Amino acid sequence: ALLAGLLVQLTSDTSSYRAADAERLGTVVGDLVTAV
């Protein structure tokens, strides 16, 4: 549910993120996939 919530929120609107956030977001997604 945590991973699903993150993916839904992330993909619903990417306009509020900066290009520099991409790596950090990838790390968060990777951590949650690992936890799953």
All heavy atoms as atom14 arrays in JSON, in Angstrom:
{
  "sequence": "ALLAGLLVQLTSDTSSYRAADAERLGTVVGDLVTAV",
  "atom14_mask": [
    [1, 1, 1, 1, 1, 0, 0, 0, 0, 0, 0, 0, 0, 0],
    [1, 1, 1, 1, 1, 1, 1, 1, 0, 0, 0, 0, 0, 0],
    [1, 1, 1, 1, 1, 1, 1, 1, 0, 0, 0, 0, 0, 0],
    [1, 1, 1, 1, 1, 0, 0, 0, 0, 0, 0, 0, 0, 0],
    [1, 1, 1, 1, 0, 0, 0, 0, 0, 0, 0, 0, 0, 0],
    [1, 1, 1, 1, 1, 1, 1, 1, 0, 0, 0, 0, 0, 0],
    [1, 1, 1, 1, 1, 1, 1, 1, 0, 0, 0, 0, 0, 0],
    [1, 1, 1, 1, 1, 1, 1, 0, 0, 0, 0, 0, 0, 0],
    [1, 1, 1, 1, 1, 1, 1, 1, 1, 0, 0, 0, 0, 0],
    [1, 1, 1, 1, 1, 1, 1, 1, 0, 0, 0, 0, 0, 0],
    [1, 1, 1, 1, 1, 1, 1, 0, 0, 0, 0, 0, 0, 0],
    [1, 1, 1, 1, 1, 1, 0, 0, 0, 0, 0, 0, 0, 0],
    [1, 1, 1, 1, 1, 1, 1, 1, 0, 0, 0, 0, 0, 0],
    [1, 1, 1, 1, 1, 1, 1, 0, 0, 0, 0, 0, 0, 0],
    [1, 1, 1, 1, 1, 1, 0, 0, 0, 0, 0, 0, 0, 0],
    [1, 1, 1, 1, 1, 1, 0, 0, 0, 0, 0, 0, 0, 0],
    [1, 1, 1, 1, 1, 1, 1, 1, 1, 1, 1, 1, 0, 0],
    [1, 1, 1, 1, 1, 1, 1, 1, 1, 1, 1, 0, 0, 0],
    [1, 1, 1, 1, 1, 0, 0, 0, 0, 0, 0, 0, 0, 0],
    [1, 1, 1, 1, 1, 0, 0, 0, 0, 0, 0, 0, 0, 0],
    [1, 1, 1, 1, 1, 1, 1, 1, 0, 0, 0, 0, 0, 0],
    [1, 1, 1, 1, 1, 0, 0, 0, 0, 0, 0, 0, 0, 0],
    [1, 1, 1, 1, 1, 1, 1, 1, 1, 0, 0, 0, 0, 0],
    [1, 1, 1, 1, 1, 1, 1, 1, 1, 1, 1, 0, 0, 0],
    [1, 1, 1, 1, 1, 1, 1, 1, 0, 0, 0, 0, 0, 0],
    [1, 1, 1, 1, 0, 0, 0, 0, 0, 0, 0, 0, 0, 0],
    [1, 1, 1, 1, 1, 1, 1, 0, 0, 0, 0, 0, 0, 0],
    [1, 1, 1, 1, 1, 1, 1, 0, 0, 0, 0, 0, 0, 0],
    [1, 1, 1, 1, 1, 1, 1, 0, 0, 0, 0, 0, 0, 0],
    [1, 1, 1, 1, 0, 0, 0, 0, 0, 0, 0, 0, 0, 0],
    [1, 1, 1, 1, 1, 1, 1, 1, 0, 0, 0, 0, 0, 0],
    [1, 1, 1, 1, 1, 1, 1, 1, 0, 0, 0, 0, 0, 0],
    [1, 1, 1, 1, 1, 1, 1, 0, 0, 0, 0, 0, 0, 0],
    [1, 1, 1, 1, 1, 1, 1, 0, 0, 0, 0, 0, 0, 0],
    [1, 1, 1, 1, 1, 0, 0, 0, 0, 0, 0, 0, 0, 0],
    [1, 1, 1, 1, 1, 1, 1, 0, 0, 0, 0, 0, 0, 0]
  ],
  "atom14_positions": [
    [[0.83, -1.2, 0.0], [0.0, 0.0, 0.0], [0.86, 1.26, 0.0], [0.52, 2.26, -0.64], [-0.94, -0.01, 1.2], [0.0, 0.0, 0.0], [0.0, 0.0, 0.0], [0.0, 0.0, 0.0], [0.0, 0.0, 0.0], [0.0, 0.0, 0.0], [0.0, 0.0, 0.0], [0.0, 0.0, 0.0], [0.0, 0.0, 0.0], [0.0, 0.0, 0.0]],
    [[1.99, 1.23, 0.71], [2.88, 2.39, 0.7], [3.46, 2.62, -0.69], [3.5, 3.76, -1.18], [4.02, 2.17, 1.71], [3.72, 2.42, 3.17], [4.95, 2.12, 4.02], [3.27, 3.86, 3.4], [0.0, 0.0, 0.0], [0.0, 0.0, 0.0], [0.0, 0.0, 0.0], [0.0, 0.0, 0.0], [0.0, 0.0, 0.0], [0.0, 0.0, 0.0]],
    [[3.91, 1.54, -1.33], [4.46, 1.69, -2.68], [3.38, 2.15, -3.65], [3.61, 3.04, -4.47], [5.07, 0.36, -3.14], [5.63, 0.35, -4.57], [6.72, 1.41, -4.73], [6.17, -1.04, -4.92], [0.0, 0.0, 0.0], [0.0, 0.0, 0.0], [0.0, 0.0, 0.0], [0.0, 0.0, 0.0], [0.0, 0.0, 0.0], [0.0, 0.0, 0.0]],
    [[2.19, 1.56, -3.55], [1.1, 1.95, -4.45], [0.74, 3.42, -4.26], [0.54, 4.16, -5.24], [-0.13, 1.07, -4.2], [0.0, 0.0, 0.0], [0.0, 0.0, 0.0], [0.0, 0.0, 0.0], [0.0, 0.0, 0.0], [0.0, 0.0, 0.0], [0.0, 0.0, 0.0], [0.0, 0.0, 0.0], [0.0, 0.0, 0.0], [0.0, 0.0, 0.0]],
    [[0.65, 3.86, -3.0], [0.31, 5.26, -2.74], [1.34, 6.21, -3.32], [0.99, 7.26, -3.89], [0.0, 0.0, 0.0], [0.0, 0.0, 0.0], [0.0, 0.0, 0.0], [0.0, 0.0, 0.0], [0.0, 0.0, 0.0], [0.0, 0.0, 0.0], [0.0, 0.0, 0.0], [0.0, 0.0, 0.0], [0.0, 0.0, 0.0], [0.0, 0.0, 0.0]],
    [[2.61, 5.86, -3.17], [3.67, 6.69, -3.73], [3.56, 6.77, -5.25], [3.65, 7.86, -5.84], [5.04, 6.15, -3.33], [6.25, 6.79, -4.01], [6.35, 8.26, -3.65], [7.53, 6.06, -3.63], [0.0, 0.0, 0.0], [0.0, 0.0, 0.0], [0.0, 0.0, 0.0], [0.0, 0.0, 0.0], [0.0, 0.0, 0.0], [0.0, 0.0, 0.0]],
    [[3.37, 5.64, -5.91], [3.3, 5.61, -7.37], [2.1, 6.4, -7.89], [2.22, 7.14, -8.88], [3.24, 4.17, -7.86], [4.49, 3.32, -7.61], [4.24, 1.87, -8.05], [5.7, 3.89, -8.33], [0.0, 0.0, 0.0], [0.0, 0.0, 0.0], [0.0, 0.0, 0.0], [0.0, 0.0, 0.0], [0.0, 0.0, 0.0], [0.0, 0.0, 0.0]],
    [[0.96, 6.25, -7.22], [-0.23, 6.98, -7.66], [-0.02, 8.47, -7.51], [-0.33, 9.26, -8.41], [-1.47, 6.51, -6.86], [-2.66, 7.43, -7.14], [-1.83, 5.08, -7.22], [0.0, 0.0, 0.0], [0.0, 0.0, 0.0], [0.0, 0.0, 0.0], [0.0, 0.0, 0.0], [0.0, 0.0, 0.0], [0.0, 0.0, 0.0], [0.0, 0.0, 0.0]],
    [[0.51, 8.91, -6.36], [0.72, 10.34, -6.15], [1.77, 10.88, -7.1], [1.61, 11.98, -7.67], [1.13, 10.6, -4.71], [1.33, 12.08, -4.4], [1.56, 12.35, -2.92], [1.39, 11.48, -2.09], [1.96, 13.56, -2.61], [0.0, 0.0, 0.0], [0.0, 0.0, 0.0], [0.0, 0.0, 0.0], [0.0, 0.0, 0.0], [0.0, 0.0, 0.0]],
    [[2.84, 10.13, -7.28], [3.92, 10.59, -8.15], [3.46, 10.77, -9.59], [3.77, 11.77, -10.24], [5.07, 9.57, -8.1], [6.23, 9.78, -9.07], [6.94, 11.1, -8.78], [7.21, 8.61, -8.98], [0.0, 0.0, 0.0], [0.0, 0.0, 0.0], [0.0, 0.0, 0.0], [0.0, 0.0, 0.0], [0.0, 0.0, 0.0], [0.0, 0.0, 0.0]],
    [[2.7, 9.81, -10.1], [2.31, 9.86, -11.51], [1.1, 10.74, -11.78], [0.85, 11.11, -12.92], [2.01, 8.44, -12.03], [0.97, 7.84, -11.24], [3.26, 7.58, -11.97], [0.0, 0.0, 0.0], [0.0, 0.0, 0.0], [0.0, 0.0, 0.0], [0.0, 0.0, 0.0], [0.0, 0.0, 0.0], [0.0, 0.0, 0.0], [0.0, 0.0, 0.0]],
    [[0.36, 11.1, -10.72], [-0.83, 11.93, -10.94], [-0.46, 13.36, -11.33], [-1.2, 14.02, -12.07], [-1.7, 11.96, -9.68], [-1.01, 12.56, -8.59], [0.0, 0.0, 0.0], [0.0, 0.0, 0.0], [0.0, 0.0, 0.0], [0.0, 0.0, 0.0], [0.0, 0.0, 0.0], [0.0, 0.0, 0.0], [0.0, 0.0, 0.0], [0.0, 0.0, 0.0]],
    [[0.69, 13.84, -10.86], [1.11, 15.21, -11.2], [2.59, 15.35, -10.94], [3.03, 15.38, -9.78], [0.33, 16.23, -10.37], [0.73, 17.67, -10.7], [1.39, 17.87, -11.73], [0.38, 18.56, -9.91], [0.0, 0.0, 0.0], [0.0, 0.0, 0.0], [0.0, 0.0, 0.0], [0.0, 0.0, 0.0], [0.0, 0.0, 0.0], [0.0, 0.0, 0.0]],
    [[3.38, 15.42, -11.99], [4.84, 15.56, -11.83], [5.29, 17.0, -11.91], [6.48, 17.29, -11.76], [5.57, 14.75, -12.93], [5.18, 15.26, -14.22], [5.22, 13.26, -12.84], [0.0, 0.0, 0.0], [0.0, 0.0, 0.0], [0.0, 0.0, 0.0], [0.0, 0.0, 0.0], [0.0, 0.0, 0.0], [0.0, 0.0, 0.0], [0.0, 0.0, 0.0]],
    [[4.37, 17.93, -12.11], [4.75, 19.33, -12.35], [5.38, 19.99, -11.12], [6.1, 20.97, -11.25], [3.54, 20.14, -12.8], [2.54, 20.18, -11.79], [0.0, 0.0, 0.0], [0.0, 0.0, 0.0], [0.0, 0.0, 0.0], [0.0, 0.0, 0.0], [0.0, 0.0, 0.0], [0.0, 0.0, 0.0], [0.0, 0.0, 0.0], [0.0, 0.0, 0.0]],
    [[5.08, 19.48, -9.94], [5.58, 20.12, -8.73], [7.0, 19.67, -8.37], [7.59, 20.19, -7.43], [4.65, 19.83, -7.55], [4.53, 18.44, -7.35], [0.0, 0.0, 0.0], [0.0, 0.0, 0.0], [0.0, 0.0, 0.0], [0.0, 0.0, 0.0], [0.0, 0.0, 0.0], [0.0, 0.0, 0.0], [0.0, 0.0, 0.0], [0.0, 0.0, 0.0]],
    [[7.53, 18.71, -9.13], [8.89, 18.24, -8.88], [9.86, 18.89, -9.86], [9.49, 19.27, -10.97], [8.96, 16.72, -9.03], [8.05, 15.97, -8.09], [6.87, 15.4, -8.55], [8.37, 15.84, -6.75], [6.02, 14.72, -7.7], [7.53, 15.16, -5.89], [6.35, 14.6, -6.36], [5.52, 13.93, -5.52], [0.0, 0.0, 0.0], [0.0, 0.0, 0.0]],
    [[11.11, 18.99, -9.43], [12.16, 19.51, -10.29], [12.95, 18.36, -10.89], [12.95, 17.26, -10.36], [13.09, 20.42, -9.48], [12.4, 21.64, -8.86], [13.34, 22.34, -7.9], [13.71, 21.46, -6.79], [14.61, 21.76, -5.87], [15.24, 22.91, -5.93], [14.88, 20.9, -4.91], [0.0, 0.0, 0.0], [0.0, 0.0, 0.0], [0.0, 0.0, 0.0]],
    [[13.67, 18.64, -11.96], [14.49, 17.6, -12.58], [15.51, 17.03, -11.58], [15.82, 15.84, -11.6], [15.19, 18.16, -13.81], [0.0, 0.0, 0.0], [0.0, 0.0, 0.0], [0.0, 0.0, 0.0], [0.0, 0.0, 0.0], [0.0, 0.0, 0.0], [0.0, 0.0, 0.0], [0.0, 0.0, 0.0], [0.0, 0.0, 0.0], [0.0, 0.0, 0.0]],
    [[15.98, 17.91, -10.69], [16.97, 17.47, -9.7], [16.39, 16.49, -8.69], [17.14, 15.81, -7.99], [17.55, 18.69, -8.97], [0.0, 0.0, 0.0], [0.0, 0.0, 0.0], [0.0, 0.0, 0.0], [0.0, 0.0, 0.0], [0.0, 0.0, 0.0], [0.0, 0.0, 0.0], [0.0, 0.0, 0.0], [0.0, 0.0, 0.0], [0.0, 0.0, 0.0]],
    [[15.06, 16.41, -8.62], [14.42, 15.48, -7.67], [14.39, 14.05, -8.2], [14.08, 13.12, -7.44], [12.97, 15.91, -7.4], [12.88, 17.24, -6.67], [13.78, 17.51, -5.86], [11.92, 17.99, -6.91], [0.0, 0.0, 0.0], [0.0, 0.0, 0.0], [0.0, 0.0, 0.0], [0.0, 0.0, 0.0], [0.0, 0.0, 0.0], [0.0, 0.0, 0.0]],
    [[14.67, 13.85, -9.48], [14.5, 12.53, -10.1], [15.3, 11.45, -9.39], [14.77, 10.38, -9.05], [14.87, 12.6, -11.58], [0.0, 0.0, 0.0], [0.0, 0.0, 0.0], [0.0, 0.0, 0.0], [0.0, 0.0, 0.0], [0.0, 0.0, 0.0], [0.0, 0.0, 0.0], [0.0, 0.0, 0.0], [0.0, 0.0, 0.0], [0.0, 0.0, 0.0]],
    [[16.58, 11.7, -9.15], [17.42, 10.69, -8.5], [16.92, 10.36, -7.11], [16.88, 9.18, -6.7], [18.87, 11.18, -8.43], [19.56, 11.32, -9.78], [20.09, 10.0, -10.31], [20.04, 9.0, -9.56], [20.55, 9.98, -11.47], [0.0, 0.0, 0.0], [0.0, 0.0, 0.0], [0.0, 0.0, 0.0], [0.0, 0.0, 0.0], [0.0, 0.0, 0.0]],
    [[16.53, 11.39, -6.36], [16.04, 11.16, -4.99], [14.75, 10.35, -5.01], [14.56, 9.44, -4.19], [15.83, 12.5, -4.29], [17.13, 13.22, -3.96], [16.88, 14.44, -3.09], [16.28, 15.52, -3.85], [16.97, 16.46, -4.48], [18.29, 16.44, -4.47], [16.36, 17.44, -5.13], [0.0, 0.0, 0.0], [0.0, 0.0, 0.0], [0.0, 0.0, 0.0]],
    [[13.86, 10.67, -5.94], [12.62, 9.91, -6.05], [12.89, 8.48, -6.45], [12.23, 7.55, -5.97], [11.69, 10.58, -7.05], [11.04, 11.89, -6.58], [10.41, 12.62, -7.76], [10.01, 11.63, -5.49], [0.0, 0.0, 0.0], [0.0, 0.0, 0.0], [0.0, 0.0, 0.0], [0.0, 0.0, 0.0], [0.0, 0.0, 0.0], [0.0, 0.0, 0.0]],
    [[13.87, 8.29, -7.33], [14.24, 6.92, -7.71], [14.75, 6.13, -6.52], [14.45, 4.93, -6.38], [0.0, 0.0, 0.0], [0.0, 0.0, 0.0], [0.0, 0.0, 0.0], [0.0, 0.0, 0.0], [0.0, 0.0, 0.0], [0.0, 0.0, 0.0], [0.0, 0.0, 0.0], [0.0, 0.0, 0.0], [0.0, 0.0, 0.0], [0.0, 0.0, 0.0]],
    [[15.49, 6.79, -5.63], [15.97, 6.12, -4.43], [14.82, 5.71, -3.52], [14.79, 4.6, -2.97], [16.93, 7.04, -3.65], [18.08, 7.32, -4.46], [17.41, 6.38, -2.36], [0.0, 0.0, 0.0], [0.0, 0.0, 0.0], [0.0, 0.0, 0.0], [0.0, 0.0, 0.0], [0.0, 0.0, 0.0], [0.0, 0.0, 0.0], [0.0, 0.0, 0.0]],
    [[13.83, 6.62, -3.38], [12.67, 6.31, -2.54], [11.89, 5.13, -3.12], [11.5, 4.2, -2.41], [11.76, 7.54, -2.4], [10.48, 7.17, -1.66], [12.49, 8.65, -1.65], [0.0, 0.0, 0.0], [0.0, 0.0, 0.0], [0.0, 0.0, 0.0], [0.0, 0.0, 0.0], [0.0, 0.0, 0.0], [0.0, 0.0, 0.0], [0.0, 0.0, 0.0]],
    [[11.66, 5.15, -4.44], [10.95, 4.03, -5.08], [11.73, 2.74, -4.9], [11.17, 1.69, -4.55], [10.72, 4.32, -6.58], [10.14, 3.08, -7.27], [9.77, 5.49, -6.76], [0.0, 0.0, 0.0], [0.0, 0.0, 0.0], [0.0, 0.0, 0.0], [0.0, 0.0, 0.0], [0.0, 0.0, 0.0], [0.0, 0.0, 0.0], [0.0, 0.0, 0.0]],
    [[13.05, 2.81, -5.09], [13.89, 1.62, -4.92], [13.84, 1.07, -3.51], [13.78, -0.15, -3.3], [0.0, 0.0, 0.0], [0.0, 0.0, 0.0], [0.0, 0.0, 0.0], [0.0, 0.0, 0.0], [0.0, 0.0, 0.0], [0.0, 0.0, 0.0], [0.0, 0.0, 0.0], [0.0, 0.0, 0.0], [0.0, 0.0, 0.0], [0.0, 0.0, 0.0]],
    [[13.85, 1.95, -2.52], [13.77, 1.51, -1.13], [12.45, 0.8, -0.85], [12.39, -0.21, -0.15], [13.93, 2.7, -0.18], [15.37, 3.16, -0.07], [16.27, 2.39, -0.42], [15.59, 4.31, 0.35], [0.0, 0.0, 0.0], [0.0, 0.0, 0.0], [0.0, 0.0, 0.0], [0.0, 0.0, 0.0], [0.0, 0.0, 0.0], [0.0, 0.0, 0.0]],
    [[11.36, 1.37, -1.39], [10.06, 0.75, -1.15], [9.92, -0.58, -1.89], [9.32, -1.52, -1.37], [8.94, 1.7, -1.54], [8.5, 2.67, -0.44], [7.36, 3.55, -0.93], [8.05, 1.9, 0.8], [0.0, 0.0, 0.0], [0.0, 0.0, 0.0], [0.0, 0.0, 0.0], [0.0, 0.0, 0.0], [0.0, 0.0, 0.0], [0.0, 0.0, 0.0]],
    [[10.46, -0.66, -3.1], [10.45, -1.95, -3.8], [11.23, -2.98, -3.0], [10.8, -4.13, -2.83], [11.05, -1.8, -5.22], [11.26, -3.18, -5.85], [10.12, -0.97, -6.1], [0.0, 0.0, 0.0], [0.0, 0.0, 0.0], [0.0, 0.0, 0.0], [0.0, 0.0, 0.0], [0.0, 0.0, 0.0], [0.0, 0.0, 0.0], [0.0, 0.0, 0.0]],
    [[12.39, -2.58, -2.48], [13.17, -3.48, -1.63], [12.36, -3.94, -0.42], [12.35, -5.12, -0.07], [14.46, -2.78, -1.15], [15.28, -2.51, -2.28], [15.24, -3.66, -0.18], [0.0, 0.0, 0.0], [0.0, 0.0, 0.0], [0.0, 0.0, 0.0], [0.0, 0.0, 0.0], [0.0, 0.0, 0.0], [0.0, 0.0, 0.0], [0.0, 0.0, 0.0]],
    [[11.67, -2.99, 0.21], [10.87, -3.34, 1.39], [9.73, -4.28, 1.02], [9.4, -5.2, 1.78], [10.32, -2.07, 2.04], [0.0, 0.0, 0.0], [0.0, 0.0, 0.0], [0.0, 0.0, 0.0], [0.0, 0.0, 0.0], [0.0, 0.0, 0.0], [0.0, 0.0, 0.0], [0.0, 0.0, 0.0], [0.0, 0.0, 0.0], [0.0, 0.0, 0.0]],
    [[9.11, -4.05, -0.14], [8.03, -4.94, -0.6], [8.57, -6.35, -0.83], [7.96, -7.34, -0.42], [7.38, -4.39, -1.88], [6.51, -5.44, -2.56], [6.55, -3.15, -1.56], [0.0, 0.0, 0.0], [0.0, 0.0, 0.0], [0.0, 0.0, 0.0], [0.0, 0.0, 0.0], [0.0, 0.0, 0.0], [0.0, 0.0, 0.0], [0.0, 0.0, 0.0]]
  ]
}
